[in-house]
Amino acid sequence: MRRVAAGLAGMYLTAALMTRLAEAMGMRSCGCADDCWCKKPGLSAFRWVFPRGHHINWPDDTRPFVK
């Protein structure tokens, strides 16, 4: 069971670092507000593998679920 958990954690960290590298190369970009948790040093590596709780800068006419 430990081996499986370690393997999953390793895959999660690898995915986080690979997507952070893709962002550094300009292949991806984050549209979050400056106060979002994903803009903080250390946490920015996890912005693409943990998609919850982002503060996105939506233009007023395209904001979802707001009328």
PDB file of N, CA and C in Angstrom:
ATOM      1  N   MET A   1       0.822  -1.190   0.000  1.00  0.00           N
ATOM      2  CA  MET A   1       0.000   0.000   0.000  1.00  0.00           C
ATOM      3  C   MET A   1       0.871   1.261   0.000  1.00  0.00           C
ATOM      4  N   ARG A   2       1.970   1.230   0.722  1.00  0.00           N
ATOM      5  CA  ARG A   2       2.875   2.379   0.748  1.00  0.00           C
ATOM      6  C   ARG A   2       3.489   2.636  -0.619  1.00  0.00           C
ATOM      7  N   ARG A   3       3.789   1.560  -1.308  1.00  0.00           N
ATOM      8  CA  ARG A   3       4.391   1.695  -2.633  1.00  0.00           C
ATOM      9  C   ARG A   3       3.420   2.351  -3.613  1.00  0.00           C
ATOM     10  N   VAL A   4       2.154   1.991  -3.519  1.00  0.00           N
ATOM     11  CA  VAL A   4       1.142   2.585  -4.382  1.00  0.00           C
ATOM     12  C   VAL A   4       0.986   4.071  -4.056  1.00  0.00           C
ATOM     13  N   ALA A   5       0.917   4.408  -2.772  1.00  0.00           N
ATOM     14  CA  ALA A   5       0.779   5.806  -2.356  1.00  0.00           C
ATOM     15  C   ALA A   5       1.989   6.627  -2.786  1.00  0.00           C
ATOM     16  N   ALA A   6       3.173   6.060  -2.637  1.00  0.00           N
ATOM     17  CA  ALA A   6       4.386   6.764  -3.055  1.00  0.00           C
ATOM     18  C   ALA A   6       4.408   6.946  -4.574  1.00  0.00           C
ATOM     19  N   GLY A   7       3.963   5.962  -5.302  1.00  0.00           N
ATOM     20  CA  GLY A   7       3.901   6.067  -6.761  1.00  0.00           C
ATOM     21  C   GLY A   7       2.922   7.135  -7.214  1.00  0.00           C
ATOM     22  N   LEU A   8       1.756   7.193  -6.580  1.00  0.00           N
ATOM     23  CA  LEU A   8       0.771   8.216  -6.917  1.00  0.00           C
ATOM     24  C   LEU A   8       1.274   9.616  -6.568  1.00  0.00           C
ATOM     25  N   ALA A   9       1.918   9.747  -5.416  1.00  0.00           N
ATOM     26  CA  ALA A   9       2.482  11.043  -5.030  1.00  0.00           C
ATOM     27  C   ALA A   9       3.571  11.467  -6.001  1.00  0.00           C
ATOM     28  N   GLY A  10       4.387  10.527  -6.432  1.00  0.00           N
ATOM     29  CA  GLY A  10       5.436  10.821  -7.403  1.00  0.00           C
ATOM     30  C   GLY A  10       4.867  11.256  -8.746  1.00  0.00           C
ATOM     31  N   MET A  11       3.808  10.599  -9.183  1.00  0.00           N
ATOM     32  CA  MET A  11       3.169  10.981 -10.446  1.00  0.00           C
ATOM     33  C   MET A  11       2.531  12.367 -10.339  1.00  0.00           C
ATOM     34  N   TYR A  12       1.924  12.679  -9.207  1.00  0.00           N
ATOM     35  CA  TYR A  12       1.312  13.986  -8.985  1.00  0.00           C
ATOM     36  C   TYR A  12       2.372  15.089  -9.018  1.00  0.00           C
ATOM     37  N   LEU A  13       3.483  14.878  -8.333  1.00  0.00           N
ATOM     38  CA  LEU A  13       4.565  15.867  -8.320  1.00  0.00           C
ATOM     39  C   LEU A  13       5.195  16.019  -9.696  1.00  0.00           C
ATOM     40  N   THR A  14       5.347  14.914 -10.420  1.00  0.00           N
ATOM     41  CA  THR A  14       5.902  14.989 -11.771  1.00  0.00           C
ATOM     42  C   THR A  14       4.982  15.781 -12.689  1.00  0.00           C
ATOM     43  N   ALA A  15       3.681  15.542 -12.587  1.00  0.00           N
ATOM     44  CA  ALA A  15       2.724  16.297 -13.400  1.00  0.00           C
ATOM     45  C   ALA A  15       2.763  17.778 -13.040  1.00  0.00           C
ATOM     46  N   ALA A  16       2.875  18.088 -11.755  1.00  0.00           N
ATOM     47  CA  ALA A  16       2.940  19.488 -11.320  1.00  0.00           C
ATOM     48  C   ALA A  16       4.184  20.170 -11.882  1.00  0.00           C
ATOM     49  N   LEU A  17       5.310  19.518 -11.820  1.00  0.00           N
ATOM     50  CA  LEU A  17       6.543  20.126 -12.316  1.00  0.00           C
ATOM     51  C   LEU A  17       6.565  20.227 -13.837  1.00  0.00           C
ATOM     52  N   MET A  18       6.004  19.249 -14.528  1.00  0.00           N
ATOM     53  CA  MET A  18       5.975  19.294 -15.992  1.00  0.00           C
ATOM     54  C   MET A  18       5.063  20.421 -16.485  1.00  0.00           C
ATOM     55  N   THR A  19       3.918  20.604 -15.841  1.00  0.00           N
ATOM     56  CA  THR A  19       3.031  21.685 -16.267  1.00  0.00           C
ATOM     57  C   THR A  19       3.610  23.048 -15.901  1.00  0.00           C
ATOM     58  N   ARG A  20       4.350  23.118 -14.805  1.00  0.00           N
ATOM     59  CA  ARG A  20       5.028  24.373 -14.440  1.00  0.00           C
ATOM     60  C   ARG A  20       6.107  24.690 -15.468  1.00  0.00           C
ATOM     61  N   LEU A  21       6.814  23.687 -15.942  1.00  0.00           N
ATOM     62  CA  LEU A  21       7.826  23.866 -16.980  1.00  0.00           C
ATOM     63  C   LEU A  21       7.174  24.329 -18.285  1.00  0.00           C
ATOM     64  N   ALA A  22       6.043  23.735 -18.639  1.00  0.00           N
ATOM     65  CA  ALA A  22       5.323  24.148 -19.852  1.00  0.00           C
ATOM     66  C   ALA A  22       4.884  25.602 -19.742  1.00  0.00           C
ATOM     67  N   GLU A  23       4.485  26.018 -18.551  1.00  0.00           N
ATOM     68  CA  GLU A  23       4.093  27.408 -18.353  1.00  0.00           C
ATOM     69  C   GLU A  23       5.298  28.337 -18.474  1.00  0.00           C
ATOM     70  N   ALA A  24       6.432  27.927 -17.945  1.00  0.00           N
ATOM     71  CA  ALA A  24       7.646  28.744 -18.040  1.00  0.00           C
ATOM     72  C   ALA A  24       8.113  28.879 -19.492  1.00  0.00           C
ATOM     73  N   MET A  25       7.832  27.875 -20.308  1.00  0.00           N
ATOM     74  CA  MET A  25       8.213  27.917 -21.720  1.00  0.00           C
ATOM     75  C   MET A  25       7.199  28.674 -22.566  1.00  0.00           C
ATOM     76  N   GLY A  26       6.083  29.109 -21.965  1.00  0.00           N
ATOM     77  CA  GLY A  26       5.081  29.877 -22.690  1.00  0.00           C
ATOM     78  C   GLY A  26       4.006  29.052 -23.361  1.00  0.00           C
ATOM     79  N   MET A  27       3.950  27.771 -23.077  1.00  0.00           N
ATOM     80  CA  MET A  27       2.955  26.909 -23.693  1.00  0.00           C
ATOM     81  C   MET A  27       1.594  27.030 -23.005  1.00  0.00           C
ATOM     82  N   ARG A  28       1.569  27.483 -21.771  1.00  0.00           N
ATOM     83  CA  ARG A  28       0.353  27.670 -20.987  1.00  0.00           C
ATOM     84  C   ARG A  28       0.457  29.009 -20.278  1.00  0.00           C
ATOM     85  N   SER A  29      -0.689  29.558 -19.919  1.00  0.00           N
ATOM     86  CA  SER A  29      -0.673  30.781 -19.119  1.00  0.00           C
ATOM     87  C   SER A  29      -1.866  30.774 -18.172  1.00  0.00           C
ATOM     88  N   CYS A  30      -1.682  31.385 -17.051  1.00  0.00           N
ATOM     89  CA  CYS A  30      -2.710  31.431 -16.016  1.00  0.00           C
ATOM     90  C   CYS A  30      -3.403  32.781 -16.076  1.00  0.00           C
ATOM     91  N   GLY A  31      -4.731  32.772 -16.034  1.00  0.00           N
ATOM     92  CA  GLY A  31      -5.491  34.009 -16.092  1.00  0.00           C
ATOM     93  C   GLY A  31      -6.055  34.422 -14.749  1.00  0.00           C
ATOM     94  N   CYS A  32      -5.449  33.954 -13.679  1.00  0.00           N
ATOM     95  CA  CYS A  32      -5.952  34.260 -12.339  1.00  0.00           C
ATOM     96  C   CYS A  32      -5.604  35.674 -11.912  1.00  0.00           C
ATOM     97  N   ALA A  33      -6.342  36.138 -10.906  1.00  0.00           N
ATOM     98  CA  ALA A  33      -6.077  37.441 -10.305  1.00  0.00           C
ATOM     99  C   ALA A  33      -4.764  37.385  -9.524  1.00  0.00           C
ATOM    100  N   ASP A  34      -4.204  38.540  -9.243  1.00  0.00           N
ATOM    101  CA  ASP A  34      -2.921  38.596  -8.543  1.00  0.00           C
ATOM    102  C   ASP A  34      -2.989  38.075  -7.118  1.00  0.00           C
ATOM    103  N   ASP A  35      -4.173  38.063  -6.493  1.00  0.00           N
ATOM    104  CA  ASP A  35      -4.283  37.584  -5.117  1.00  0.00           C
ATOM    105  C   ASP A  35      -4.636  36.096  -5.025  1.00  0.00           C
ATOM    106  N   CYS A  36      -4.634  35.378  -6.119  1.00  0.00           N
ATOM    107  CA  CYS A  36      -4.958  33.952  -6.134  1.00  0.00           C
ATOM    108  C   CYS A  36      -3.857  33.149  -5.446  1.00  0.00           C
ATOM    109  N   TRP A  37      -4.237  32.019  -4.839  1.00  0.00           N
ATOM    110  CA  TRP A  37      -3.264  31.185  -4.148  1.00  0.00           C
ATOM    111  C   TRP A  37      -2.214  30.639  -5.106  1.00  0.00           C
ATOM    112  N   CYS A  38      -2.546  30.483  -6.373  1.00  0.00           N
ATOM    113  CA  CYS A  38      -1.616  29.871  -7.323  1.00  0.00           C
ATOM    114  C   CYS A  38      -0.516  30.824  -7.780  1.00  0.00           C
ATOM    115  N   LYS A  39      -0.572  32.071  -7.399  1.00  0.00           N
ATOM    116  CA  LYS A  39       0.477  33.028  -7.741  1.00  0.00           C
ATOM    117  C   LYS A  39       1.574  33.091  -6.677  1.00  0.00           C
ATOM    118  N   LYS A  40       1.383  32.408  -5.570  1.00  0.00           N
ATOM    119  CA  LYS A  40       2.361  32.432  -4.482  1.00  0.00           C
ATOM    120  C   LYS A  40       3.535  31.496  -4.804  1.00  0.00           C
ATOM    121  N   PRO A  41       4.746  31.901  -4.436  1.00  0.00           N
ATOM    122  CA  PRO A  41       5.909  31.038  -4.686  1.00  0.00           C
ATOM    123  C   PRO A  41       5.740  29.688  -3.982  1.00  0.00           C
ATOM    124  N   GLY A  42       6.119  28.654  -4.651  1.00  0.00           N
ATOM    125  CA  GLY A  42       5.998  27.309  -4.099  1.00  0.00           C
ATOM    126  C   GLY A  42       4.679  26.647  -4.455  1.00  0.00           C
ATOM    127  N   LEU A  43       3.613  27.407  -4.462  1.00  0.00           N
ATOM    128  CA  LEU A  43       2.309  26.856  -4.808  1.00  0.00           C
ATOM    129  C   LEU A  43       2.029  26.934  -6.293  1.00  0.00           C
ATOM    130  N   SER A  44       2.777  27.758  -7.002  1.00  0.00           N
ATOM    131  CA  SER A  44       2.534  27.932  -8.430  1.00  0.00           C
ATOM    132  C   SER A  44       2.761  26.648  -9.222  1.00  0.00           C
ATOM    133  N   ALA A  45       3.548  25.738  -8.705  1.00  0.00           N
ATOM    134  CA  ALA A  45       3.772  24.466  -9.406  1.00  0.00           C
ATOM    135  C   ALA A  45       2.511  23.614  -9.429  1.00  0.00           C
ATOM    136  N   PHE A  46       1.595  23.846  -8.502  1.00  0.00           N
ATOM    137  CA  PHE A  46       0.404  23.005  -8.391  1.00  0.00           C
ATOM    138  C   PHE A  46      -0.831  23.625  -9.024  1.00  0.00           C
ATOM    139  N   ARG A  47      -0.700  24.769  -9.693  1.00  0.00           N
ATOM    140  CA  ARG A  47      -1.891  25.439 -10.216  1.00  0.00           C
ATOM    141  C   ARG A  47      -2.588  24.637 -11.302  1.00  0.00           C
ATOM    142  N   TRP A  48      -1.885  23.822 -12.048  1.00  0.00           N
ATOM    143  CA  TRP A  48      -2.530  23.066 -13.126  1.00  0.00           C
ATOM    144  C   TRP A  48      -3.007  21.695 -12.686  1.00  0.00           C
ATOM    145  N   VAL A  49      -2.510  21.176 -11.577  1.00  0.00           N
ATOM    146  CA  VAL A  49      -2.945  19.853 -11.131  1.00  0.00           C
ATOM    147  C   VAL A  49      -3.921  19.937  -9.961  1.00  0.00           C
ATOM    148  N   PHE A  50      -4.179  21.132  -9.446  1.00  0.00           N
ATOM    149  CA  PHE A  50      -5.184  21.341  -8.401  1.00  0.00           C
ATOM    150  C   PHE A  50      -6.072  22.491  -8.846  1.00  0.00           C
ATOM    151  N   PRO A  51      -7.123  22.201  -9.611  1.00  0.00           N
ATOM    152  CA  PRO A  51      -7.892  23.262 -10.271  1.00  0.00           C
ATOM    153  C   PRO A  51      -8.965  23.931  -9.419  1.00  0.00           C
ATOM    154  N   ARG A  52      -8.961  23.801  -8.119  1.00  0.00           N
ATOM    155  CA  ARG A  52     -10.007  24.377  -7.278  1.00  0.00           C
ATOM    156  C   ARG A  52      -9.555  25.661  -6.594  1.00  0.00           C
ATOM    157  N   GLY A  53     -10.500  26.547  -6.369  1.00  0.00           N
ATOM    158  CA  GLY A  53     -10.257  27.725  -5.558  1.00  0.00           C
ATOM    159  C   GLY A  53      -9.502  28.853  -6.234  1.00  0.00           C
ATOM    160  N   HIS A  54      -9.500  28.909  -7.553  1.00  0.00           N
ATOM    161  CA  HIS A  54      -8.799  29.974  -8.261  1.00  0.00           C
ATOM    162  C   HIS A  54      -9.659  31.238  -8.317  1.00  0.00           C
ATOM    163  N   HIS A  55      -9.014  32.384  -8.328  1.00  0.00           N
ATOM    164  CA  HIS A  55      -9.681  33.680  -8.463  1.00  0.00           C
ATOM    165  C   HIS A  55      -9.393  34.185  -9.871  1.00  0.00           C
ATOM    166  N   ILE A  56     -10.255  33.836 -10.800  1.00  0.00           N
ATOM    167  CA  ILE A  56     -10.021  34.134 -12.211  1.00  0.00           C
ATOM    168  C   ILE A  56     -10.513  35.545 -12.541  1.00  0.00           C
ATOM    169  N   ASN A  57      -9.744  36.248 -13.342  1.00  0.00           N
ATOM    170  CA  ASN A  57     -10.142  37.559 -13.844  1.00  0.00           C
ATOM    171  C   ASN A  57     -11.049  37.372 -15.050  1.00  0.00           C
ATOM    172  N   TRP A  58     -12.367  37.313 -14.825  1.00  0.00           N
ATOM    173  CA  TRP A  58     -13.328  37.151 -15.912  1.00  0.00           C
ATOM    174  C   TRP A  58     -13.758  38.520 -16.403  1.00  0.00           C
ATOM    175  N   PRO A  59     -13.815  38.712 -17.717  1.00  0.00           N
ATOM    176  CA  PRO A  59     -14.492  39.913 -18.215  1.00  0.00           C
ATOM    177  C   PRO A  59     -15.955  39.835 -17.819  1.00  0.00           C
ATOM    178  N   ASP A  60     -16.586  40.960 -17.551  1.00  0.00           N
ATOM    179  CA  ASP A  60     -17.956  40.968 -17.037  1.00  0.00           C
ATOM    180  C   ASP A  60     -18.955  40.247 -17.930  1.00  0.00           C
ATOM    181  N   ASP A  61     -18.771  40.307 -19.238  1.00  0.00           N
ATOM    182  CA  ASP A  61     -19.738  39.693 -20.141  1.00  0.00           C
ATOM    183  C   ASP A  61     -19.538  38.193 -20.334  1.00  0.00           C
ATOM    184  N   THR A  62     -18.446  37.619 -19.848  1.00  0.00           N
ATOM    185  CA  THR A  62     -18.210  36.182 -20.023  1.00  0.00           C
ATOM    186  C   THR A  62     -18.161  35.420 -18.698  1.00  0.00           C
ATOM    187  N   ARG A  63     -18.424  36.092 -17.586  1.00  0.00           N
ATOM    188  CA  ARG A  63     -18.387  35.441 -16.279  1.00  0.00           C
ATOM    189  C   ARG A  63     -19.483  34.378 -16.202  1.00  0.00           C
ATOM    190  N   PRO A  64     -19.125  33.126 -15.869  1.00  0.00           N
ATOM    191  CA  PRO A  64     -20.124  32.064 -15.828  1.00  0.00           C
ATOM    192  C   PRO A  64     -21.029  32.182 -14.603  1.00  0.00           C
ATOM    193  N   PHE A  65     -22.257  31.770 -14.756  1.00  0.00           N
ATOM    194  CA  PHE A  65     -23.239  31.669 -13.674  1.00  0.00           C
ATOM    195  C   PHE A  65     -23.602  33.004 -13.036  1.00  0.00           C
ATOM    196  N   VAL A  66     -23.343  34.112 -13.695  1.00  0.00           N
ATOM    197  CA  VAL A  66     -23.705  35.426 -13.168  1.00  0.00           C
ATOM    198  C   VAL A  66     -24.600  36.104 -14.185  1.00  0.00           C
ATOM    199  N   LYS A  67     -25.712  36.626 -13.724  1.00  0.00           N
ATOM    200  CA  LYS A  67     -26.635  37.322 -14.644  1.00  0.00           C
ATOM    201  C   LYS A  67     -26.735  38.769 -14.279  1.00  0.00           C
TER     202      LYS A  67
END
